């Protein structure tokens, strides 16, 4: 078999795998991290100030791992902003985490009108994503934490607004029961 055919077959296989991965349903989280470690994780806001997820303890937190170059990430972020406005009064906080240059992230957030915090970091973002169940490091990857920091739902690939609303409805309802 010629080398071009091998590369073409590998590219097709990789594309199919990524397509299937992006269409993966949301579900329970196979996390190997404690809520206290999640809340202790720190990142930088675009101005360089250190921020931790712990400041949102007591709220349902939607943690979205994304990148400016990721087309599905770019598509879902305006929906996340709309959802943040709808769900914020009900105790839900969105946070976007990217392993990119802070200036690029700030410019991107401003250009598309992101209404929630976008934080940056290095390897700690990839490590948190892996420990929250994203073994392949796929983007976008979104985890919904309950008010105590326990991961409740996770999804590889972009959330639709209706999927996100359904997932948040379940986690918020659990919060109100306790």
N, C-alpha and C. Protein backbone atom coordinates (compact mmCIF):
# COMPACT_ATOMS: atom_id res chain seq x y z
N UNK A 1 0.86 -1.18 0.00
CA UNK A 1 0.00 0.00 0.00
C UNK A 1 0.90 1.23 0.00
N UNK A 2 0.51 2.22 -0.77
CA UNK A 2 1.38 3.39 -0.85
C UNK A 2 1.20 4.29 0.37
N UNK A 3 2.24 5.06 0.72
CA UNK A 3 2.20 5.89 1.94
C UNK A 3 1.06 6.90 1.96
N UNK A 4 0.71 7.46 0.82
CA UNK A 4 -0.40 8.44 0.78
C UNK A 4 -1.72 7.77 1.16
N UNK A 5 -1.92 6.56 0.69
CA UNK A 5 -3.15 5.84 1.02
C UNK A 5 -3.21 5.54 2.51
N UNK A 6 -2.08 5.19 3.11
CA UNK A 6 -2.02 4.93 4.55
C UNK A 6 -2.36 6.20 5.33
N UNK A 7 -1.76 7.33 4.93
CA UNK A 7 -2.04 8.60 5.61
C UNK A 7 -3.50 9.00 5.43
N UNK A 8 -4.02 8.79 4.24
CA UNK A 8 -5.42 9.15 3.99
C UNK A 8 -6.35 8.29 4.86
N UNK A 9 -6.06 7.01 4.95
CA UNK A 9 -6.88 6.12 5.78
C UNK A 9 -6.79 6.52 7.25
N UNK A 10 -5.60 6.87 7.70
CA UNK A 10 -5.43 7.30 9.10
C UNK A 10 -6.18 8.60 9.36
N UNK A 11 -6.14 9.53 8.40
CA UNK A 11 -6.85 10.80 8.57
C UNK A 11 -8.36 10.58 8.62
N UNK A 12 -8.87 9.70 7.78
CA UNK A 12 -10.30 9.40 7.80
C UNK A 12 -10.69 8.75 9.12
N UNK A 13 -9.88 7.80 9.58
CA UNK A 13 -10.17 7.12 10.85
C UNK A 13 -10.16 8.12 12.00
N UNK A 14 -9.17 9.02 12.01
CA UNK A 14 -9.11 10.03 13.07
C UNK A 14 -10.32 10.96 13.01
N UNK A 15 -10.71 11.35 11.79
CA UNK A 15 -11.87 12.23 11.64
C UNK A 15 -13.15 11.57 12.13
N UNK A 16 -13.34 10.30 11.80
CA UNK A 16 -14.52 9.57 12.26
C UNK A 16 -14.50 9.45 13.77
N UNK A 17 -13.33 9.15 14.36
CA UNK A 17 -13.23 9.03 15.82
C UNK A 17 -13.58 10.35 16.49
N UNK A 18 -13.06 11.45 15.97
CA UNK A 18 -13.37 12.76 16.55
C UNK A 18 -14.85 13.11 16.38
N UNK A 19 -15.43 12.78 15.24
CA UNK A 19 -16.84 13.04 15.02
C UNK A 19 -17.68 12.27 16.02
N UNK A 20 -17.36 10.98 16.21
CA UNK A 20 -18.10 10.18 17.18
C UNK A 20 -17.92 10.71 18.59
N UNK A 21 -16.70 11.11 18.91
CA UNK A 21 -16.41 11.65 20.23
C UNK A 21 -17.20 12.93 20.46
N UNK A 22 -17.26 13.78 19.45
CA UNK A 22 -17.98 15.05 19.59
C UNK A 22 -19.48 14.83 19.74
N UNK A 23 -19.99 13.71 19.25
CA UNK A 23 -21.41 13.42 19.36
C UNK A 23 -21.73 12.61 20.60
N UNK A 24 -20.72 12.40 21.45
CA UNK A 24 -20.95 11.58 22.65
C UNK A 24 -22.00 12.24 23.53
N UNK A 25 -22.89 11.43 24.08
CA UNK A 25 -23.93 12.00 24.95
C UNK A 25 -23.35 12.48 26.27
N UNK A 26 -24.06 13.40 26.88
CA UNK A 26 -23.64 13.82 28.20
C UNK A 26 -24.05 12.75 29.19
N UNK A 27 -23.34 12.71 30.30
CA UNK A 27 -23.67 11.68 31.28
C UNK A 27 -22.92 11.88 32.57
N UNK A 28 -22.90 10.83 33.37
CA UNK A 28 -22.22 10.88 34.65
C UNK A 28 -20.73 11.06 34.45
N UNK A 29 -20.06 11.54 35.47
CA UNK A 29 -18.64 11.87 35.39
C UNK A 29 -17.81 10.79 36.08
N UNK A 30 -16.78 10.34 35.38
CA UNK A 30 -15.83 9.39 35.97
C UNK A 30 -14.63 10.20 36.47
N UNK A 31 -14.84 10.95 37.54
CA UNK A 31 -13.81 11.85 38.06
C UNK A 31 -12.94 11.16 39.10
N UNK A 32 -11.69 11.57 39.15
CA UNK A 32 -10.80 11.09 40.20
C UNK A 32 -10.19 12.29 40.94
N UNK A 33 -11.09 13.17 41.38
CA UNK A 33 -10.69 14.38 42.08
C UNK A 33 -11.77 14.73 43.10
N UNK A 34 -11.36 15.24 44.23
CA UNK A 34 -12.32 15.60 45.27
C UNK A 34 -12.86 17.01 45.05
N UNK A 35 -14.04 17.29 45.56
CA UNK A 35 -14.56 18.65 45.46
C UNK A 35 -13.60 19.70 46.04
N UNK A 36 -12.93 19.38 47.15
CA UNK A 36 -12.01 20.36 47.73
C UNK A 36 -10.84 20.65 46.79
N UNK A 37 -10.37 19.64 46.06
CA UNK A 37 -9.29 19.87 45.09
C UNK A 37 -9.79 20.67 43.90
N UNK A 38 -11.03 20.43 43.49
CA UNK A 38 -11.61 21.22 42.40
C UNK A 38 -11.70 22.68 42.82
N UNK A 39 -12.23 22.93 44.02
CA UNK A 39 -12.37 24.31 44.48
C UNK A 39 -11.03 24.98 44.75
N UNK A 40 -9.99 24.21 45.01
CA UNK A 40 -8.66 24.78 45.27
C UNK A 40 -7.92 25.12 43.98
N UNK A 41 -8.35 24.57 42.85
CA UNK A 41 -7.66 24.82 41.58
C UNK A 41 -7.70 26.31 41.26
N UNK A 42 -6.54 26.85 40.88
CA UNK A 42 -6.46 28.28 40.57
C UNK A 42 -6.00 28.50 39.14
N UNK A 43 -6.48 29.59 38.59
CA UNK A 43 -6.20 29.97 37.21
C UNK A 43 -6.00 31.48 37.19
N UNK A 44 -5.74 32.03 36.03
CA UNK A 44 -5.58 33.48 35.91
C UNK A 44 -6.70 34.05 35.05
N UNK A 45 -7.22 35.19 35.48
CA UNK A 45 -8.16 35.88 34.60
C UNK A 45 -7.32 36.62 33.55
N UNK A 46 -7.93 37.19 32.52
CA UNK A 46 -7.12 37.85 31.48
C UNK A 46 -6.24 38.99 31.99
N UNK A 47 -6.57 39.57 33.14
CA UNK A 47 -5.74 40.63 33.71
C UNK A 47 -4.57 40.07 34.51
N UNK A 48 -4.51 38.75 34.67
CA UNK A 48 -3.42 38.12 35.41
C UNK A 48 -3.71 37.86 36.87
N UNK A 49 -4.91 38.20 37.33
CA UNK A 49 -5.27 37.96 38.73
C UNK A 49 -5.62 36.49 38.93
N UNK A 50 -5.16 35.92 40.04
CA UNK A 50 -5.44 34.52 40.35
C UNK A 50 -6.90 34.37 40.78
N UNK A 51 -7.54 33.35 40.25
CA UNK A 51 -8.94 33.07 40.53
C UNK A 51 -9.07 31.58 40.85
N UNK A 52 -9.99 31.23 41.74
CA UNK A 52 -10.23 29.82 42.03
C UNK A 52 -11.70 29.49 41.87
N UNK A 53 -11.96 28.24 41.53
CA UNK A 53 -13.35 27.80 41.44
C UNK A 53 -14.03 27.84 42.81
N UNK A 54 -13.22 27.85 43.88
CA UNK A 54 -13.76 27.90 45.23
C UNK A 54 -14.60 29.12 45.52
N UNK A 55 -14.39 30.20 44.78
CA UNK A 55 -15.21 31.39 45.00
C UNK A 55 -16.67 31.15 44.63
N UNK A 56 -16.95 30.05 43.91
CA UNK A 56 -18.31 29.73 43.52
C UNK A 56 -18.92 28.61 44.34
N UNK A 57 -18.24 28.22 45.42
CA UNK A 57 -18.80 27.17 46.28
C UNK A 57 -20.19 27.60 46.73
N UNK A 58 -21.13 26.67 46.70
CA UNK A 58 -22.51 26.97 47.04
C UNK A 58 -23.38 27.20 45.81
N UNK A 59 -22.74 27.32 44.64
CA UNK A 59 -23.47 27.47 43.38
C UNK A 59 -23.26 26.22 42.54
N UNK A 60 -24.17 25.98 41.62
CA UNK A 60 -23.94 24.99 40.57
C UNK A 60 -22.98 25.66 39.59
N UNK A 61 -21.89 24.97 39.25
CA UNK A 61 -20.87 25.57 38.38
C UNK A 61 -20.75 24.76 37.09
N UNK A 62 -20.85 25.46 35.97
CA UNK A 62 -20.65 24.85 34.66
C UNK A 62 -19.23 25.22 34.24
N UNK A 63 -18.34 24.22 34.20
CA UNK A 63 -16.95 24.42 33.83
C UNK A 63 -16.77 23.94 32.40
N UNK A 64 -16.40 24.86 31.52
CA UNK A 64 -16.25 24.56 30.10
C UNK A 64 -14.79 24.69 29.71
N UNK A 65 -14.20 23.58 29.24
CA UNK A 65 -12.83 23.57 28.71
C UNK A 65 -12.94 23.82 27.21
N UNK A 66 -12.23 24.82 26.71
CA UNK A 66 -12.41 25.27 25.34
C UNK A 66 -11.12 25.86 24.79
N UNK A 67 -11.14 26.23 23.51
CA UNK A 67 -10.01 26.91 22.87
C UNK A 67 -10.55 27.82 21.77
N UNK A 68 -9.82 28.89 21.49
CA UNK A 68 -10.26 29.83 20.46
C UNK A 68 -10.27 29.19 19.08
N UNK A 69 -9.43 28.21 18.84
CA UNK A 69 -9.34 27.55 17.53
C UNK A 69 -10.37 26.43 17.36
N UNK A 70 -11.12 26.11 18.40
CA UNK A 70 -12.06 24.98 18.39
C UNK A 70 -13.42 25.45 17.88
N UNK A 71 -13.80 25.03 16.66
CA UNK A 71 -15.06 25.47 16.06
C UNK A 71 -16.28 25.14 16.92
N UNK A 72 -16.43 23.90 17.44
CA UNK A 72 -17.60 23.63 18.28
C UNK A 72 -17.63 24.48 19.56
N UNK A 73 -16.44 24.80 20.08
CA UNK A 73 -16.38 25.67 21.27
C UNK A 73 -16.94 27.04 20.93
N UNK A 74 -16.50 27.58 19.81
CA UNK A 74 -16.94 28.90 19.38
C UNK A 74 -18.46 28.94 19.16
N UNK A 75 -19.02 27.83 18.69
CA UNK A 75 -20.45 27.77 18.43
C UNK A 75 -21.28 27.73 19.70
N UNK A 76 -20.77 27.03 20.73
CA UNK A 76 -21.58 26.88 21.94
C UNK A 76 -21.45 28.03 22.92
N UNK A 77 -20.40 28.83 22.83
CA UNK A 77 -20.18 29.87 23.84
C UNK A 77 -21.26 30.94 23.86
N UNK A 78 -21.78 31.41 22.74
CA UNK A 78 -22.90 32.37 22.83
C UNK A 78 -24.13 31.75 23.52
N UNK A 79 -24.36 30.46 23.29
CA UNK A 79 -25.47 29.78 23.98
C UNK A 79 -25.20 29.71 25.48
N UNK A 80 -23.94 29.49 25.86
CA UNK A 80 -23.59 29.48 27.28
C UNK A 80 -23.85 30.84 27.90
N UNK A 81 -23.55 31.90 27.17
CA UNK A 81 -23.81 33.25 27.69
C UNK A 81 -25.31 33.47 27.91
N UNK A 82 -26.10 33.03 26.95
CA UNK A 82 -27.56 33.16 27.12
C UNK A 82 -28.04 32.32 28.30
N UNK A 83 -27.51 31.10 28.42
CA UNK A 83 -27.90 30.22 29.54
C UNK A 83 -27.45 30.82 30.87
N UNK A 84 -26.29 31.44 30.88
CA UNK A 84 -25.79 32.05 32.12
C UNK A 84 -26.74 33.16 32.59
N UNK A 85 -27.27 33.91 31.65
CA UNK A 85 -28.22 34.96 32.03
C UNK A 85 -29.53 34.36 32.55
N UNK A 86 -29.96 33.25 31.97
CA UNK A 86 -31.20 32.59 32.43
C UNK A 86 -31.00 31.88 33.76
N UNK A 87 -29.88 31.20 33.92
CA UNK A 87 -29.67 30.33 35.08
C UNK A 87 -28.94 31.02 36.23
N UNK A 88 -28.25 32.12 35.97
CA UNK A 88 -27.52 32.82 37.03
C UNK A 88 -28.39 33.16 38.24
N UNK A 89 -29.59 33.70 38.03
CA UNK A 89 -30.46 34.01 39.17
C UNK A 89 -30.88 32.78 39.98
N UNK A 90 -30.71 31.60 39.39
CA UNK A 90 -31.06 30.36 40.09
C UNK A 90 -29.83 29.70 40.72
N UNK A 91 -28.73 30.46 40.81
CA UNK A 91 -27.55 29.94 41.50
C UNK A 91 -26.60 29.14 40.63
N UNK A 92 -26.56 29.43 39.33
CA UNK A 92 -25.67 28.73 38.41
C UNK A 92 -24.61 29.71 37.92
N UNK A 93 -23.35 29.26 37.93
CA UNK A 93 -22.22 30.07 37.48
C UNK A 93 -21.49 29.33 36.36
N UNK A 94 -21.21 30.01 35.26
CA UNK A 94 -20.42 29.45 34.16
C UNK A 94 -19.00 29.97 34.25
N UNK A 95 -18.03 29.12 33.88
CA UNK A 95 -16.62 29.50 33.81
C UNK A 95 -16.01 28.79 32.62
N UNK A 96 -15.28 29.53 31.79
CA UNK A 96 -14.56 28.95 30.67
C UNK A 96 -13.08 28.86 31.00
N UNK A 97 -12.46 27.71 30.74
CA UNK A 97 -11.04 27.51 31.01
C UNK A 97 -10.31 27.18 29.70
N UNK A 98 -9.27 27.94 29.40
CA UNK A 98 -8.50 27.73 28.17
C UNK A 98 -7.01 27.74 28.47
N UNK A 99 -6.28 26.96 27.72
CA UNK A 99 -4.82 26.91 27.83
C UNK A 99 -4.26 27.73 26.67
N UNK A 100 -4.46 29.04 26.75
CA UNK A 100 -4.05 29.94 25.68
C UNK A 100 -3.55 31.25 26.26
N UNK A 101 -3.05 32.10 25.37
CA UNK A 101 -2.57 33.41 25.75
C UNK A 101 -3.72 34.25 26.31
N UNK A 102 -3.53 34.86 27.48
CA UNK A 102 -4.62 35.64 28.10
C UNK A 102 -5.16 36.75 27.22
N UNK A 103 -4.30 37.40 26.45
CA UNK A 103 -4.77 38.49 25.57
C UNK A 103 -5.68 37.95 24.47
N UNK A 104 -5.31 36.81 23.91
CA UNK A 104 -6.13 36.20 22.87
C UNK A 104 -7.50 35.80 23.44
N UNK A 105 -7.50 35.24 24.65
CA UNK A 105 -8.75 34.81 25.29
C UNK A 105 -9.63 36.02 25.57
N UNK A 106 -9.03 37.09 26.10
CA UNK A 106 -9.81 38.30 26.40
C UNK A 106 -10.41 38.90 25.13
N UNK A 107 -9.62 38.98 24.08
CA UNK A 107 -10.10 39.53 22.81
C UNK A 107 -11.24 38.66 22.24
N UNK A 108 -11.04 37.36 22.28
CA UNK A 108 -12.05 36.43 21.79
C UNK A 108 -13.35 36.60 22.58
N UNK A 109 -13.27 36.61 23.90
CA UNK A 109 -14.45 36.75 24.74
C UNK A 109 -15.20 38.04 24.45
N UNK A 110 -14.45 39.11 24.25
CA UNK A 110 -15.07 40.40 23.95
C UNK A 110 -15.73 40.37 22.57
N UNK A 111 -15.03 39.79 21.59
CA UNK A 111 -15.56 39.75 20.22
C UNK A 111 -16.87 38.99 20.10
N UNK A 112 -17.02 37.90 20.85
CA UNK A 112 -18.27 37.15 20.71
C UNK A 112 -19.24 37.41 21.86
N UNK A 113 -18.87 38.31 22.77
CA UNK A 113 -19.80 38.72 23.83
C UNK A 113 -20.01 37.71 24.93
N UNK A 114 -18.94 37.05 25.36
CA UNK A 114 -19.06 36.08 26.46
C UNK A 114 -19.35 36.84 27.75
N UNK A 115 -20.37 36.40 28.47
CA UNK A 115 -20.81 37.12 29.67
C UNK A 115 -20.32 36.50 30.97
N UNK A 116 -19.57 35.44 30.90
CA UNK A 116 -19.09 34.74 32.09
C UNK A 116 -17.56 34.77 32.11
N UNK A 117 -16.95 34.46 33.26
CA UNK A 117 -15.49 34.54 33.35
C UNK A 117 -14.80 33.54 32.43
N UNK A 118 -13.74 34.01 31.77
CA UNK A 118 -12.85 33.17 30.98
C UNK A 118 -11.48 33.23 31.64
N UNK A 119 -11.01 32.09 32.08
CA UNK A 119 -9.73 32.03 32.77
C UNK A 119 -8.75 31.19 31.96
N UNK A 120 -7.48 31.44 32.21
CA UNK A 120 -6.42 30.74 31.48
C UNK A 120 -5.46 30.07 32.44
N UNK A 121 -4.73 29.16 31.89
CA UNK A 121 -3.71 28.46 32.66
C UNK A 121 -2.91 27.59 31.74
N UNK A 122 -1.97 26.90 32.29
CA UNK A 122 -1.14 25.99 31.53
C UNK A 122 -1.60 24.57 31.71
N UNK A 123 -0.67 23.74 32.09
CA UNK A 123 -0.95 22.32 32.25
C UNK A 123 -2.02 22.04 33.29
N UNK A 124 -2.21 22.94 34.26
CA UNK A 124 -3.23 22.70 35.29
C UNK A 124 -4.63 22.59 34.69
N UNK A 125 -4.87 23.26 33.57
CA UNK A 125 -6.18 23.15 32.93
C UNK A 125 -6.35 21.77 32.32
N UNK A 126 -5.35 21.30 31.59
CA UNK A 126 -5.41 19.97 31.03
C UNK A 126 -5.52 18.89 32.10
N UNK A 127 -4.80 19.08 33.19
CA UNK A 127 -4.83 18.12 34.29
C UNK A 127 -6.21 18.08 34.93
N UNK A 128 -6.81 19.25 35.17
CA UNK A 128 -8.15 19.29 35.76
C UNK A 128 -9.15 18.62 34.82
N UNK A 129 -9.05 18.91 33.55
CA UNK A 129 -9.95 18.31 32.57
C UNK A 129 -9.83 16.78 32.60
N UNK A 130 -8.61 16.27 32.62
CA UNK A 130 -8.41 14.81 32.69
C UNK A 130 -8.97 14.23 33.98
N UNK A 131 -8.71 14.89 35.09
CA UNK A 131 -9.19 14.38 36.37
C UNK A 131 -10.71 14.45 36.48
N UNK A 132 -11.32 15.30 35.67
CA UNK A 132 -12.78 15.38 35.62
C UNK A 132 -13.37 14.46 34.55
N UNK A 133 -12.55 13.52 34.06
CA UNK A 133 -13.06 12.49 33.17
C UNK A 133 -12.74 12.62 31.70
N UNK A 134 -12.09 13.69 31.27
CA UNK A 134 -11.77 13.90 29.86
C UNK A 134 -10.43 13.25 29.53
N UNK A 135 -10.43 11.94 29.47
CA UNK A 135 -9.19 11.17 29.30
C UNK A 135 -8.46 11.47 27.99
N UNK A 136 -9.19 11.85 26.94
CA UNK A 136 -8.57 12.11 25.65
C UNK A 136 -8.20 13.58 25.45
N UNK A 137 -8.61 14.44 26.35
CA UNK A 137 -8.31 15.87 26.19
C UNK A 137 -9.10 16.52 25.07
N UNK A 138 -10.27 15.99 24.76
CA UNK A 138 -11.11 16.54 23.68
C UNK A 138 -11.72 17.88 24.08
N UNK A 139 -11.97 18.71 23.09
CA UNK A 139 -12.63 20.01 23.29
C UNK A 139 -13.80 20.11 22.34
N UNK A 140 -14.85 20.80 22.77
CA UNK A 140 -15.08 21.28 24.12
C UNK A 140 -15.42 20.11 25.06
N UNK A 141 -15.16 20.37 26.32
CA UNK A 141 -15.52 19.42 27.37
C UNK A 141 -16.14 20.23 28.49
N UNK A 142 -17.33 19.85 28.91
CA UNK A 142 -18.07 20.62 29.91
C UNK A 142 -18.48 19.72 31.06
N UNK A 143 -18.23 20.21 32.26
CA UNK A 143 -18.61 19.49 33.48
C UNK A 143 -19.52 20.39 34.31
N UNK A 144 -20.59 19.80 34.82
CA UNK A 144 -21.49 20.53 35.71
C UNK A 144 -21.24 20.02 37.12
N UNK A 145 -20.85 20.94 38.01
CA UNK A 145 -20.60 20.63 39.42
C UNK A 145 -21.81 21.05 40.23
N UNK A 146 -22.16 20.23 41.22
CA UNK A 146 -23.24 20.67 42.12
C UNK A 146 -22.68 21.71 43.09
N UNK A 147 -23.51 22.22 43.96
CA UNK A 147 -23.11 23.31 44.86
C UNK A 147 -21.98 22.92 45.81
N UNK A 148 -21.80 21.63 46.05
CA UNK A 148 -20.70 21.19 46.92
C UNK A 148 -19.43 20.87 46.15
N UNK A 149 -19.46 21.04 44.82
CA UNK A 149 -18.28 20.79 44.00
C UNK A 149 -18.19 19.38 43.45
N UNK A 150 -19.23 18.58 43.65
CA UNK A 150 -19.23 17.22 43.13
C UNK A 150 -19.61 17.23 41.65
N UNK A 151 -18.78 16.64 40.79
CA UNK A 151 -19.13 16.58 39.37
C UNK A 151 -20.38 15.73 39.17
N UNK A 152 -21.37 16.28 38.47
CA UNK A 152 -22.65 15.59 38.27
C UNK A 152 -22.88 15.16 36.83
N UNK A 153 -22.52 15.99 35.88
CA UNK A 153 -22.73 15.71 34.47
C UNK A 153 -21.50 16.14 33.69
N UNK A 154 -21.20 15.42 32.61
CA UNK A 154 -20.09 15.79 31.74
C UNK A 154 -20.47 15.51 30.30
N UNK A 155 -19.91 16.30 29.41
CA UNK A 155 -20.18 16.10 27.99
C UNK A 155 -18.95 16.47 27.18
N UNK A 156 -18.58 15.56 26.28
CA UNK A 156 -17.58 15.85 25.26
C UNK A 156 -18.35 16.35 24.05
N UNK A 157 -17.91 17.46 23.49
CA UNK A 157 -18.60 18.05 22.35
C UNK A 157 -19.52 19.16 22.81
N UNK A 158 -20.02 19.88 21.84
CA UNK A 158 -20.84 21.06 22.13
C UNK A 158 -22.21 20.67 22.69
N UNK A 159 -22.63 21.42 23.69
CA UNK A 159 -23.98 21.31 24.23
C UNK A 159 -24.93 22.13 23.36
N UNK A 160 -26.10 21.61 23.10
CA UNK A 160 -27.16 22.46 22.54
C UNK A 160 -27.79 23.17 23.74
N UNK A 161 -28.49 24.24 23.49
CA UNK A 161 -29.13 24.95 24.60
C UNK A 161 -30.15 24.08 25.31
N UNK A 162 -30.90 23.29 24.55
CA UNK A 162 -31.91 22.44 25.19
C UNK A 162 -31.25 21.34 26.02
N UNK A 163 -30.17 20.74 25.53
CA UNK A 163 -29.46 19.72 26.32
C UNK A 163 -28.93 20.32 27.62
N UNK A 164 -28.34 21.51 27.50
CA UNK A 164 -27.79 22.18 28.66
C UNK A 164 -28.89 22.52 29.67
N UNK A 165 -30.00 23.05 29.19
CA UNK A 165 -31.11 23.37 30.08
C UNK A 165 -31.62 22.13 30.81
N UNK A 166 -31.72 21.01 30.10
CA UNK A 166 -32.18 19.77 30.72
C UNK A 166 -31.20 19.30 31.80
N UNK A 167 -29.90 19.36 31.50
CA UNK A 167 -28.90 18.94 32.48
C UNK A 167 -28.92 19.85 33.70
N UNK A 168 -29.01 21.16 33.49
CA UNK A 168 -29.04 22.10 34.61
C UNK A 168 -30.32 21.93 35.43
N UNK A 169 -31.42 21.68 34.77
CA UNK A 169 -32.67 21.46 35.49
C UNK A 169 -32.52 20.32 36.49
N UNK A 170 -31.88 19.24 36.07
CA UNK A 170 -31.68 18.09 36.95
C UNK A 170 -30.77 18.44 38.13
N UNK A 171 -29.65 19.09 37.85
CA UNK A 171 -28.69 19.39 38.93
C UNK A 171 -29.25 20.44 39.88
N UNK A 172 -29.91 21.45 39.36
CA UNK A 172 -30.51 22.48 40.22
C UNK A 172 -31.63 21.86 41.05
N UNK A 173 -32.42 20.98 40.46
CA UNK A 173 -33.50 20.33 41.23
C UNK A 173 -32.92 19.50 42.37
N UNK A 174 -31.82 18.80 42.14
CA UNK A 174 -31.16 18.04 43.21
C UNK A 174 -30.70 18.98 44.31
N UNK A 175 -30.19 20.13 43.93
CA UNK A 175 -29.71 21.12 44.91
C UNK A 175 -30.85 21.62 45.78
N UNK A 176 -32.00 21.84 45.17
CA UNK A 176 -33.15 22.36 45.92
C UNK A 176 -33.74 21.31 46.86
N UNK A 177 -33.56 20.03 46.52
CA UNK A 177 -34.07 18.95 47.37
C UNK A 177 -33.26 18.82 48.65
N UNK A 178 -31.97 19.17 48.59
CA UNK A 178 -31.12 18.97 49.78
C UNK A 178 -31.13 20.14 50.72
